[in-house]
Amino acid sequence: MALEAKERIIIPDENGEEHLFEVLATFNVDDTKKSYLAVIPVEQKEDDEVEVYAFRYEINDQDENDLALFPIESDEEWDMVEEVLQTLTDEEIIE
C-alpha cells in the first residue's frame, strides 16, 4: 500500500476515538531507511490555520494495508521532517 497525496486515512487518538486525515505528503529518508507522512485533519475548516501532523510509518510486510504509525520523538528527527516539508512546500509539491 503506497500512500498517495490526497488519500484519506483514519488515525485513532490516545482515547481510541478515530479521526479522518488527508495525506499531504510521504517521503523516505535514505540515510535512516525510515518513511514519514504528513497529514491534516479532514474536518479542518477552510478558513482555519492548517495544523499539520507528521509521523514515522511502517507498512506490514505480510499485509500491505496494515500501516503502523510512530510518533516523532527526537528534536533532530523533527528538524529533519520540518526541513523536508518546507522544501516540498517551497517546490509546490504540497500546498
N, C-alpha and C. Protein backbone atom coordinates (compact mmCIF):
# COMPACT_ATOMS: atom_id res chain seq x y z
N MET A 1 0.85 -1.18 0.00
CA MET A 1 0.00 0.00 0.00
C MET A 1 0.89 1.24 0.00
N ALA A 2 1.11 1.81 -1.12
CA ALA A 2 1.85 3.06 -1.19
C ALA A 2 0.87 4.19 -0.92
N LEU A 3 1.18 4.98 0.07
CA LEU A 3 0.30 6.11 0.39
C LEU A 3 0.48 7.19 -0.66
N GLU A 4 -0.61 7.78 -1.04
CA GLU A 4 -0.60 8.83 -2.05
C GLU A 4 -1.12 10.13 -1.45
N ALA A 5 -0.66 11.26 -1.98
CA ALA A 5 -1.19 12.55 -1.56
C ALA A 5 -2.69 12.58 -1.84
N LYS A 6 -3.42 13.21 -0.98
CA LYS A 6 -4.88 13.36 -1.03
C LYS A 6 -5.62 12.10 -0.58
N GLU A 7 -4.88 11.01 -0.34
CA GLU A 7 -5.51 9.80 0.18
C GLU A 7 -5.98 10.09 1.61
N ARG A 8 -7.04 9.44 2.03
CA ARG A 8 -7.56 9.64 3.38
C ARG A 8 -7.32 8.39 4.22
N ILE A 9 -6.89 8.64 5.47
CA ILE A 9 -6.65 7.54 6.39
C ILE A 9 -7.29 7.87 7.74
N ILE A 10 -7.61 6.85 8.49
CA ILE A 10 -8.18 7.03 9.82
C ILE A 10 -7.09 6.78 10.85
N ILE A 11 -6.95 7.73 11.78
CA ILE A 11 -5.94 7.61 12.84
C ILE A 11 -6.66 7.76 14.18
N PRO A 12 -6.54 6.75 15.05
CA PRO A 12 -7.16 6.88 16.38
C PRO A 12 -6.30 7.77 17.29
N ASP A 13 -6.97 8.51 18.18
CA ASP A 13 -6.23 9.32 19.14
C ASP A 13 -5.92 8.48 20.38
N GLU A 14 -5.35 9.13 21.40
CA GLU A 14 -4.95 8.40 22.60
C GLU A 14 -6.14 7.81 23.37
N ASN A 15 -7.35 8.30 23.09
CA ASN A 15 -8.56 7.77 23.72
C ASN A 15 -9.26 6.72 22.86
N GLY A 16 -8.68 6.41 21.72
CA GLY A 16 -9.27 5.41 20.83
C GLY A 16 -10.31 5.98 19.87
N GLU A 17 -10.55 7.29 19.94
CA GLU A 17 -11.51 7.93 19.03
C GLU A 17 -10.84 8.09 17.66
N GLU A 18 -11.55 7.71 16.61
CA GLU A 18 -10.98 7.74 15.26
C GLU A 18 -11.23 9.09 14.59
N HIS A 19 -10.20 9.56 13.86
CA HIS A 19 -10.27 10.83 13.14
C HIS A 19 -9.80 10.59 11.71
N LEU A 20 -10.45 11.27 10.78
CA LEU A 20 -10.12 11.15 9.37
C LEU A 20 -9.10 12.23 8.98
N PHE A 21 -8.01 11.80 8.33
CA PHE A 21 -6.95 12.70 7.91
C PHE A 21 -6.70 12.53 6.41
N GLU A 22 -6.23 13.61 5.81
CA GLU A 22 -5.82 13.58 4.41
C GLU A 22 -4.30 13.62 4.34
N VAL A 23 -3.73 12.74 3.55
CA VAL A 23 -2.28 12.68 3.40
C VAL A 23 -1.82 13.85 2.54
N LEU A 24 -0.90 14.65 3.09
CA LEU A 24 -0.30 15.75 2.33
C LEU A 24 0.89 15.27 1.53
N ALA A 25 1.73 14.49 2.19
CA ALA A 25 2.95 14.02 1.53
C ALA A 25 3.52 12.83 2.29
N THR A 26 4.26 12.02 1.56
CA THR A 26 5.05 10.95 2.17
C THR A 26 6.46 11.07 1.62
N PHE A 27 7.42 10.67 2.43
CA PHE A 27 8.80 10.70 1.95
C PHE A 27 9.64 9.70 2.74
N ASN A 28 10.72 9.26 2.12
CA ASN A 28 11.66 8.34 2.73
C ASN A 28 12.97 9.07 2.95
N VAL A 29 13.66 8.69 4.01
CA VAL A 29 14.98 9.24 4.29
C VAL A 29 15.99 8.13 4.05
N ASP A 30 16.78 8.31 3.01
CA ASP A 30 17.73 7.27 2.60
C ASP A 30 18.73 6.92 3.70
N ASP A 31 19.23 7.94 4.42
CA ASP A 31 20.25 7.69 5.45
C ASP A 31 19.74 6.76 6.55
N THR A 32 18.49 6.94 6.95
CA THR A 32 17.94 6.16 8.07
C THR A 32 17.06 5.02 7.61
N LYS A 33 16.70 5.01 6.34
CA LYS A 33 15.78 3.99 5.78
C LYS A 33 14.41 4.05 6.45
N LYS A 34 14.01 5.24 6.91
CA LYS A 34 12.70 5.42 7.56
C LYS A 34 11.77 6.18 6.63
N SER A 35 10.46 5.93 6.80
CA SER A 35 9.43 6.59 6.00
C SER A 35 8.60 7.50 6.89
N TYR A 36 8.17 8.62 6.32
CA TYR A 36 7.39 9.60 7.06
C TYR A 36 6.17 10.02 6.26
N LEU A 37 5.14 10.49 6.98
CA LEU A 37 4.00 11.07 6.30
C LEU A 37 3.53 12.29 7.05
N ALA A 38 2.98 13.23 6.30
CA ALA A 38 2.38 14.43 6.86
C ALA A 38 0.90 14.40 6.50
N VAL A 39 0.05 14.69 7.50
CA VAL A 39 -1.40 14.65 7.30
C VAL A 39 -2.04 15.88 7.91
N ILE A 40 -3.26 16.18 7.43
CA ILE A 40 -4.07 17.23 8.04
C ILE A 40 -5.45 16.65 8.32
N PRO A 41 -6.12 17.14 9.38
CA PRO A 41 -7.48 16.66 9.66
C PRO A 41 -8.44 17.05 8.54
N VAL A 42 -9.28 16.12 8.11
CA VAL A 42 -10.26 16.39 7.05
C VAL A 42 -11.30 17.40 7.54
N GLU A 43 -11.67 17.32 8.82
CA GLU A 43 -12.73 18.19 9.33
C GLU A 43 -12.27 19.63 9.56
N GLN A 44 -11.02 19.90 9.28
CA GLN A 44 -10.49 21.25 9.43
C GLN A 44 -11.20 22.20 8.47
N LYS A 45 -11.63 23.33 8.98
CA LYS A 45 -12.34 24.30 8.15
C LYS A 45 -11.34 25.04 7.25
N GLU A 46 -11.84 25.44 6.09
CA GLU A 46 -11.00 26.12 5.09
C GLU A 46 -10.34 27.38 5.65
N ASP A 47 -11.05 28.15 6.49
CA ASP A 47 -10.50 29.41 6.97
C ASP A 47 -9.63 29.24 8.22
N ASP A 48 -9.56 28.03 8.75
CA ASP A 48 -8.70 27.76 9.90
C ASP A 48 -7.25 27.69 9.46
N GLU A 49 -6.36 27.99 10.40
CA GLU A 49 -4.95 27.77 10.14
C GLU A 49 -4.73 26.26 10.06
N VAL A 50 -4.01 25.82 9.07
CA VAL A 50 -3.81 24.39 8.84
C VAL A 50 -2.86 23.83 9.89
N GLU A 51 -3.30 22.77 10.58
CA GLU A 51 -2.45 22.08 11.53
C GLU A 51 -1.98 20.78 10.88
N VAL A 52 -0.69 20.67 10.69
CA VAL A 52 -0.10 19.51 10.03
C VAL A 52 0.46 18.58 11.10
N TYR A 53 0.17 17.29 10.94
CA TYR A 53 0.71 16.26 11.83
C TYR A 53 1.67 15.40 11.03
N ALA A 54 2.76 15.00 11.65
CA ALA A 54 3.75 14.16 10.97
C ALA A 54 4.02 12.92 11.82
N PHE A 55 4.23 11.81 11.14
CA PHE A 55 4.52 10.54 11.80
C PHE A 55 5.57 9.78 10.99
N ARG A 56 6.31 8.92 11.68
CA ARG A 56 7.11 7.92 11.01
C ARG A 56 6.17 6.74 10.81
N TYR A 57 6.28 6.05 9.68
CA TYR A 57 5.38 4.92 9.46
C TYR A 57 6.11 3.73 8.87
N GLU A 58 5.50 2.56 9.08
CA GLU A 58 5.97 1.31 8.51
C GLU A 58 4.77 0.56 7.97
N ILE A 59 4.98 -0.12 6.85
CA ILE A 59 3.93 -0.95 6.26
C ILE A 59 4.26 -2.40 6.58
N ASN A 60 3.26 -3.14 7.05
CA ASN A 60 3.43 -4.55 7.39
C ASN A 60 3.77 -5.34 6.13
N ASP A 61 4.84 -6.13 6.20
CA ASP A 61 5.28 -6.92 5.04
C ASP A 61 4.24 -7.96 4.62
N GLN A 62 3.50 -8.51 5.58
CA GLN A 62 2.51 -9.54 5.28
C GLN A 62 1.17 -8.96 4.81
N ASP A 63 0.85 -7.74 5.24
CA ASP A 63 -0.42 -7.12 4.87
C ASP A 63 -0.17 -5.66 4.51
N GLU A 64 -0.07 -5.39 3.22
CA GLU A 64 0.29 -4.04 2.77
C GLU A 64 -0.76 -2.98 3.12
N ASN A 65 -1.95 -3.40 3.57
CA ASN A 65 -2.96 -2.44 4.03
C ASN A 65 -2.83 -2.12 5.51
N ASP A 66 -1.87 -2.76 6.19
CA ASP A 66 -1.64 -2.55 7.62
C ASP A 66 -0.53 -1.55 7.80
N LEU A 67 -0.88 -0.37 8.29
CA LEU A 67 0.05 0.73 8.44
C LEU A 67 0.26 1.00 9.93
N ALA A 68 1.51 1.04 10.38
CA ALA A 68 1.83 1.35 11.77
C ALA A 68 2.43 2.75 11.82
N LEU A 69 1.88 3.61 12.68
CA LEU A 69 2.38 4.97 12.85
C LEU A 69 3.15 5.08 14.15
N PHE A 70 4.21 5.86 14.12
CA PHE A 70 5.05 6.06 15.29
C PHE A 70 5.27 7.55 15.49
N PRO A 71 5.24 8.02 16.74
CA PRO A 71 5.49 9.45 16.99
C PRO A 71 6.93 9.81 16.69
N ILE A 72 7.12 11.04 16.31
CA ILE A 72 8.47 11.57 16.11
C ILE A 72 8.90 12.15 17.44
N GLU A 73 9.95 11.60 18.01
CA GLU A 73 10.28 11.92 19.39
C GLU A 73 11.51 12.81 19.57
N SER A 74 12.50 12.70 18.71
CA SER A 74 13.71 13.49 18.92
C SER A 74 13.64 14.83 18.19
N ASP A 75 14.34 15.80 18.74
CA ASP A 75 14.41 17.12 18.12
C ASP A 75 15.07 17.05 16.75
N GLU A 76 16.08 16.21 16.63
CA GLU A 76 16.79 16.07 15.35
C GLU A 76 15.85 15.53 14.27
N GLU A 77 15.04 14.55 14.65
CA GLU A 77 14.10 13.97 13.70
C GLU A 77 13.04 15.00 13.30
N TRP A 78 12.53 15.77 14.28
CA TRP A 78 11.56 16.83 13.98
C TRP A 78 12.16 17.86 13.03
N ASP A 79 13.39 18.27 13.31
CA ASP A 79 14.04 19.26 12.45
C ASP A 79 14.15 18.77 11.02
N MET A 80 14.51 17.49 10.85
CA MET A 80 14.63 16.91 9.52
C MET A 80 13.28 16.87 8.81
N VAL A 81 12.24 16.45 9.53
CA VAL A 81 10.89 16.39 8.94
C VAL A 81 10.42 17.78 8.54
N GLU A 82 10.60 18.77 9.42
CA GLU A 82 10.20 20.14 9.10
C GLU A 82 10.94 20.67 7.88
N GLU A 83 12.22 20.36 7.78
CA GLU A 83 13.01 20.81 6.63
C GLU A 83 12.50 20.20 5.33
N VAL A 84 12.21 18.91 5.35
CA VAL A 84 11.68 18.25 4.14
C VAL A 84 10.32 18.83 3.78
N LEU A 85 9.44 19.00 4.76
CA LEU A 85 8.11 19.56 4.47
C LEU A 85 8.21 20.98 3.92
N GLN A 86 9.13 21.78 4.46
CA GLN A 86 9.33 23.14 3.95
C GLN A 86 9.82 23.11 2.51
N THR A 87 10.73 22.19 2.20
CA THR A 87 11.24 22.04 0.84
C THR A 87 10.11 21.64 -0.10
N LEU A 88 9.28 20.67 0.32
CA LEU A 88 8.16 20.25 -0.52
C LEU A 88 7.16 21.39 -0.73
N THR A 89 6.95 22.20 0.29
CA THR A 89 6.05 23.35 0.17
C THR A 89 6.65 24.39 -0.78
N ASP A 90 7.94 24.68 -0.62
CA ASP A 90 8.61 25.66 -1.48
C ASP A 90 8.58 25.23 -2.94
N GLU A 91 8.70 23.93 -3.17
CA GLU A 91 8.67 23.42 -4.54
C GLU A 91 7.25 23.20 -5.05
N GLU A 92 6.27 23.58 -4.23
CA GLU A 92 4.85 23.48 -4.54
C GLU A 92 4.40 22.04 -4.81
N ILE A 93 5.10 21.09 -4.17
CA ILE A 93 4.68 19.70 -4.26
C ILE A 93 3.49 19.48 -3.35
N ILE A 94 3.49 20.19 -2.20
CA ILE A 94 2.32 20.20 -1.32
C ILE A 94 1.89 21.63 -1.15
N GLU A 95 0.61 21.81 -0.94
CA GLU A 95 0.05 23.16 -0.81
C GLU A 95 -0.21 23.49 0.63
